[in-house]
N, C-alpha and C. Protein backbone atom coordinates (compact mmCIF):
# COMPACT_ATOMS: atom_id res chain seq x y z
N UNK A 1 102.11 93.24 106.41
CA UNK A 1 100.70 93.53 106.41
C UNK A 1 100.02 92.73 107.52
N UNK A 2 99.10 93.39 108.18
CA UNK A 2 98.30 92.76 109.23
C UNK A 2 96.85 92.73 108.74
N UNK A 3 96.17 91.63 108.92
CA UNK A 3 94.77 91.53 108.52
C UNK A 3 93.89 91.53 109.77
N UNK A 4 92.84 92.34 109.72
CA UNK A 4 91.88 92.45 110.83
C UNK A 4 90.49 92.13 110.31
N UNK A 5 89.55 91.81 111.23
CA UNK A 5 88.18 91.55 110.80
C UNK A 5 87.50 92.80 110.23
N UNK A 6 86.45 92.58 109.47
CA UNK A 6 85.73 93.66 108.80
C UNK A 6 85.25 94.73 109.78
N UNK A 7 84.86 94.34 110.99
CA UNK A 7 84.33 95.30 111.96
C UNK A 7 85.32 96.41 112.26
N UNK A 8 86.61 96.10 112.19
CA UNK A 8 87.64 97.11 112.42
C UNK A 8 87.50 98.25 111.42
N UNK A 9 87.16 97.93 110.20
CA UNK A 9 86.98 98.95 109.16
C UNK A 9 85.87 99.91 109.49
N UNK A 10 84.78 99.42 110.05
CA UNK A 10 83.68 100.30 110.41
C UNK A 10 84.09 101.22 111.55
N UNK A 11 84.87 100.72 112.50
CA UNK A 11 85.38 101.57 113.58
C UNK A 11 86.23 102.69 113.01
N UNK A 12 87.14 102.36 112.09
CA UNK A 12 88.00 103.36 111.48
C UNK A 12 87.17 104.36 110.67
N UNK A 13 86.18 103.86 109.95
CA UNK A 13 85.34 104.70 109.12
C UNK A 13 84.65 105.77 109.96
N UNK A 14 84.13 105.39 111.11
CA UNK A 14 83.40 106.34 111.94
C UNK A 14 84.32 107.27 112.73
N UNK A 15 85.61 106.92 112.85
CA UNK A 15 86.57 107.81 113.49
C UNK A 15 86.84 109.04 112.64
N UNK A 16 86.67 108.91 111.34
CA UNK A 16 86.96 109.98 110.41
C UNK A 16 85.71 110.84 110.22
N UNK A 17 85.86 112.15 110.32
CA UNK A 17 84.71 113.04 110.20
C UNK A 17 84.28 113.26 108.75
N UNK A 18 85.13 112.94 107.80
CA UNK A 18 84.81 113.14 106.39
C UNK A 18 84.22 111.87 105.80
N UNK A 19 83.22 112.03 104.94
CA UNK A 19 82.60 110.87 104.29
C UNK A 19 82.96 110.78 102.82
N UNK A 20 83.90 111.63 102.39
CA UNK A 20 84.37 111.55 101.00
C UNK A 20 85.77 112.14 100.92
N UNK A 21 86.44 111.87 99.81
CA UNK A 21 87.77 112.44 99.62
C UNK A 21 87.65 113.96 99.59
N UNK A 22 88.65 114.63 100.11
CA UNK A 22 88.61 116.09 100.15
C UNK A 22 89.46 116.74 99.07
N UNK A 23 90.13 115.93 98.27
CA UNK A 23 90.86 116.45 97.12
C UNK A 23 90.89 115.38 96.04
N UNK A 24 91.03 115.82 94.81
CA UNK A 24 91.11 114.89 93.69
C UNK A 24 92.57 114.49 93.46
N UNK A 25 92.87 113.20 93.47
CA UNK A 25 94.23 112.74 93.15
C UNK A 25 94.58 113.07 91.70
N UNK A 26 95.87 113.23 91.44
CA UNK A 26 96.29 113.58 90.08
C UNK A 26 96.87 112.39 89.30
N UNK A 27 97.13 111.28 89.98
CA UNK A 27 97.57 110.06 89.29
C UNK A 27 97.23 108.86 90.17
N UNK A 28 97.41 107.67 89.66
CA UNK A 28 96.94 106.45 90.33
C UNK A 28 97.64 106.13 91.65
N UNK A 29 98.75 106.77 91.93
CA UNK A 29 99.48 106.53 93.19
C UNK A 29 99.36 107.72 94.15
N UNK A 30 98.54 108.70 93.81
CA UNK A 30 98.41 109.93 94.60
C UNK A 30 97.31 109.77 95.66
N UNK A 31 97.60 108.96 96.65
CA UNK A 31 96.69 108.77 97.78
C UNK A 31 97.53 108.36 98.98
N UNK A 32 96.90 108.36 100.14
CA UNK A 32 97.60 107.96 101.34
C UNK A 32 97.74 109.07 102.36
N UNK A 33 97.16 110.24 102.07
CA UNK A 33 97.18 111.33 103.04
C UNK A 33 95.78 111.52 103.61
N UNK A 34 95.66 112.44 104.56
CA UNK A 34 94.38 112.67 105.23
C UNK A 34 93.30 113.19 104.27
N UNK A 35 93.69 113.82 103.18
CA UNK A 35 92.72 114.36 102.23
C UNK A 35 92.21 113.32 101.23
N UNK A 36 92.82 112.14 101.21
CA UNK A 36 92.36 111.09 100.29
C UNK A 36 91.74 109.91 101.01
N UNK A 37 91.39 110.10 102.28
CA UNK A 37 90.65 109.05 103.00
C UNK A 37 89.34 108.82 102.25
N UNK A 38 88.95 107.59 102.10
CA UNK A 38 87.77 107.13 101.34
C UNK A 38 88.04 107.00 99.85
N UNK A 39 89.31 107.03 99.46
CA UNK A 39 89.64 106.82 98.05
C UNK A 39 89.35 105.37 97.67
N UNK A 40 88.71 105.13 96.52
CA UNK A 40 88.48 103.76 96.05
C UNK A 40 89.78 103.18 95.50
N UNK A 41 90.07 101.94 95.88
CA UNK A 41 91.32 101.29 95.49
C UNK A 41 91.07 99.96 94.80
N UNK A 42 92.09 99.49 94.09
CA UNK A 42 92.08 98.13 93.52
C UNK A 42 93.47 97.55 93.71
N UNK A 43 93.53 96.23 93.77
CA UNK A 43 94.82 95.55 93.95
C UNK A 43 95.68 95.74 92.71
N UNK A 44 96.95 95.97 92.93
CA UNK A 44 97.91 96.16 91.85
C UNK A 44 98.00 94.90 91.00
N UNK A 45 98.03 93.73 91.60
CA UNK A 45 98.25 92.47 90.88
C UNK A 45 96.96 91.77 90.47
N UNK A 46 95.85 92.49 90.42
CA UNK A 46 94.57 91.85 90.08
C UNK A 46 94.60 91.37 88.63
N UNK A 47 93.84 90.34 88.37
CA UNK A 47 93.71 89.81 87.02
C UNK A 47 92.23 89.88 86.67
N UNK A 48 91.85 90.79 85.77
CA UNK A 48 90.43 90.92 85.42
C UNK A 48 89.83 89.57 85.03
N UNK A 49 88.66 89.32 85.55
CA UNK A 49 87.85 88.13 85.26
C UNK A 49 88.40 86.84 85.89
N UNK A 50 89.57 86.89 86.53
CA UNK A 50 90.05 85.67 87.18
C UNK A 50 90.37 85.90 88.66
N UNK A 51 90.46 87.16 89.09
CA UNK A 51 90.68 87.45 90.51
C UNK A 51 89.38 87.33 91.27
N UNK A 52 89.47 87.01 92.54
CA UNK A 52 88.30 86.94 93.41
C UNK A 52 87.75 88.35 93.59
N UNK A 53 86.53 88.65 93.11
CA UNK A 53 86.02 90.02 93.21
C UNK A 53 85.79 90.49 94.64
N UNK A 54 85.72 89.57 95.61
CA UNK A 54 85.54 90.00 96.99
C UNK A 54 86.88 90.29 97.67
N UNK A 55 87.98 90.17 96.92
CA UNK A 55 89.30 90.44 97.48
C UNK A 55 90.13 91.35 96.55
N UNK A 56 89.44 92.05 95.65
CA UNK A 56 90.11 92.83 94.62
C UNK A 56 90.01 94.33 94.85
N UNK A 57 88.96 94.79 95.53
CA UNK A 57 88.71 96.22 95.67
C UNK A 57 88.75 96.66 97.13
N UNK A 58 89.16 97.91 97.35
CA UNK A 58 89.29 98.41 98.71
C UNK A 58 88.93 99.87 98.83
N UNK A 59 88.94 100.34 100.06
CA UNK A 59 88.65 101.73 100.39
C UNK A 59 89.72 102.19 101.38
N UNK A 60 90.42 103.28 101.03
CA UNK A 60 91.47 103.78 101.93
C UNK A 60 90.81 104.41 103.14
N UNK A 61 91.17 103.94 104.34
CA UNK A 61 90.56 104.43 105.58
C UNK A 61 91.47 105.36 106.37
N UNK A 62 92.64 105.65 105.86
CA UNK A 62 93.53 106.58 106.54
C UNK A 62 94.51 105.90 107.47
N UNK A 63 95.17 106.73 108.26
CA UNK A 63 96.17 106.24 109.20
C UNK A 63 95.55 106.10 110.58
N UNK A 64 95.78 104.96 111.21
CA UNK A 64 95.25 104.66 112.53
C UNK A 64 96.35 104.02 113.37
N UNK A 65 96.70 104.70 114.45
CA UNK A 65 97.75 104.22 115.36
C UNK A 65 99.05 103.90 114.62
N UNK A 66 99.39 104.77 113.67
CA UNK A 66 100.64 104.61 112.94
C UNK A 66 100.60 103.64 111.78
N UNK A 67 99.46 103.03 111.51
CA UNK A 67 99.32 102.08 110.40
C UNK A 67 98.32 102.62 109.38
N UNK A 68 98.56 102.33 108.11
CA UNK A 68 97.64 102.74 107.04
C UNK A 68 96.65 101.61 106.80
N UNK A 69 95.36 101.96 106.79
CA UNK A 69 94.29 100.95 106.72
C UNK A 69 93.57 100.98 105.38
N UNK A 70 93.33 99.78 104.85
CA UNK A 70 92.52 99.60 103.65
C UNK A 70 91.43 98.58 103.99
N UNK A 71 90.18 98.98 103.79
CA UNK A 71 89.07 98.04 103.98
C UNK A 71 88.82 97.35 102.65
N UNK A 72 88.91 96.04 102.63
CA UNK A 72 88.61 95.25 101.43
C UNK A 72 87.10 95.07 101.39
N UNK A 73 86.50 95.32 100.22
CA UNK A 73 85.03 95.24 100.15
C UNK A 73 84.58 94.39 98.97
N UNK A 74 83.34 93.97 99.05
CA UNK A 74 82.74 93.17 97.98
C UNK A 74 82.51 94.05 96.75
N UNK A 75 82.59 93.44 95.59
CA UNK A 75 82.38 94.14 94.33
C UNK A 75 81.01 94.81 94.33
N UNK A 76 81.00 96.09 94.00
CA UNK A 76 79.73 96.81 93.87
C UNK A 76 79.20 97.43 95.15
N UNK A 77 79.83 97.17 96.28
CA UNK A 77 79.35 97.75 97.54
C UNK A 77 80.53 98.22 98.36
N UNK A 78 80.82 99.52 98.30
CA UNK A 78 81.99 100.08 98.98
C UNK A 78 82.01 99.84 100.48
N UNK A 79 80.84 99.65 101.08
CA UNK A 79 80.78 99.56 102.54
C UNK A 79 80.43 98.17 103.04
N UNK A 80 80.54 97.16 102.21
CA UNK A 80 80.35 95.77 102.63
C UNK A 80 81.73 95.15 102.77
N UNK A 81 82.39 95.47 103.89
CA UNK A 81 83.78 95.06 104.09
C UNK A 81 83.89 93.56 104.38
N UNK A 82 84.96 92.96 103.84
CA UNK A 82 85.25 91.56 104.13
C UNK A 82 86.40 91.42 105.12
N UNK A 83 87.30 92.43 105.13
CA UNK A 83 88.44 92.45 106.06
C UNK A 83 89.11 93.81 105.97
N UNK A 84 90.05 94.04 106.86
CA UNK A 84 90.86 95.26 106.82
C UNK A 84 92.33 94.86 106.79
N UNK A 85 93.08 95.49 105.91
CA UNK A 85 94.52 95.26 105.82
C UNK A 85 95.24 96.50 106.34
N UNK A 86 96.20 96.28 107.24
CA UNK A 86 96.97 97.37 107.84
C UNK A 86 98.41 97.28 107.38
N UNK A 87 98.99 98.43 107.03
CA UNK A 87 100.35 98.48 106.50
C UNK A 87 101.21 99.42 107.34
N UNK A 88 102.47 99.07 107.51
CA UNK A 88 103.39 99.87 108.30
C UNK A 88 103.68 101.24 107.69
N UNK A 89 103.67 101.31 106.35
CA UNK A 89 103.99 102.58 105.70
C UNK A 89 103.31 102.66 104.33
N UNK A 90 103.37 103.85 103.74
CA UNK A 90 102.72 104.07 102.44
C UNK A 90 103.33 103.22 101.34
N UNK A 91 104.65 103.09 101.34
CA UNK A 91 105.30 102.30 100.28
C UNK A 91 104.80 100.86 100.29
N UNK A 92 104.70 100.28 101.47
CA UNK A 92 104.20 98.90 101.59
C UNK A 92 102.77 98.80 101.08
N UNK A 93 101.94 99.79 101.44
CA UNK A 93 100.54 99.78 101.00
C UNK A 93 100.44 99.92 99.48
N UNK A 94 101.28 100.79 98.91
CA UNK A 94 101.19 101.04 97.47
C UNK A 94 101.81 99.93 96.63
N UNK A 95 102.50 98.98 97.25
CA UNK A 95 102.93 97.78 96.53
C UNK A 95 101.73 96.87 96.26
N UNK A 96 100.68 97.03 97.05
CA UNK A 96 99.51 96.16 96.98
C UNK A 96 98.29 96.86 96.38
N UNK A 97 98.13 98.17 96.63
CA UNK A 97 96.93 98.91 96.26
C UNK A 97 97.25 100.13 95.40
N UNK A 98 96.32 100.48 94.48
CA UNK A 98 96.39 101.68 93.65
C UNK A 98 94.97 102.25 93.54
N UNK A 99 94.85 103.50 93.08
CA UNK A 99 93.52 104.09 92.92
C UNK A 99 92.71 103.34 91.88
N UNK A 100 91.41 103.30 92.08
CA UNK A 100 90.51 102.57 91.19
C UNK A 100 89.56 103.50 90.43
N UNK A 101 90.09 104.39 89.66
CA UNK A 101 89.27 105.12 88.72
C UNK A 101 90.16 105.83 87.74
N UNK A 102 89.61 106.10 86.58
CA UNK A 102 90.42 106.73 85.53
C UNK A 102 90.76 108.15 85.85
N UNK A 103 92.01 108.48 85.67
CA UNK A 103 92.47 109.87 85.89
C UNK A 103 93.04 110.42 84.61
């Protein structure tokens, strides 16, 4: 995993013409393609009430230059990014992140 400053997330966000997911995922690991860009995510290993809320939630930003990007954001504000995490492949990303809503 590579960590980049929050500004990188805004660059990636504006590269994408869609401002919302274009399909509904069918389970918590059903993301990582072009149609699920902007999917809300949460860390797999989070511990409710004891994890840092500014490092627990993310937004899938899609694939950029061969890497999958997740913008980490502050609790309650999807677009207040604290950093961007880049992953070499989907499997690596899904070891850390899962969808953040009930399906």
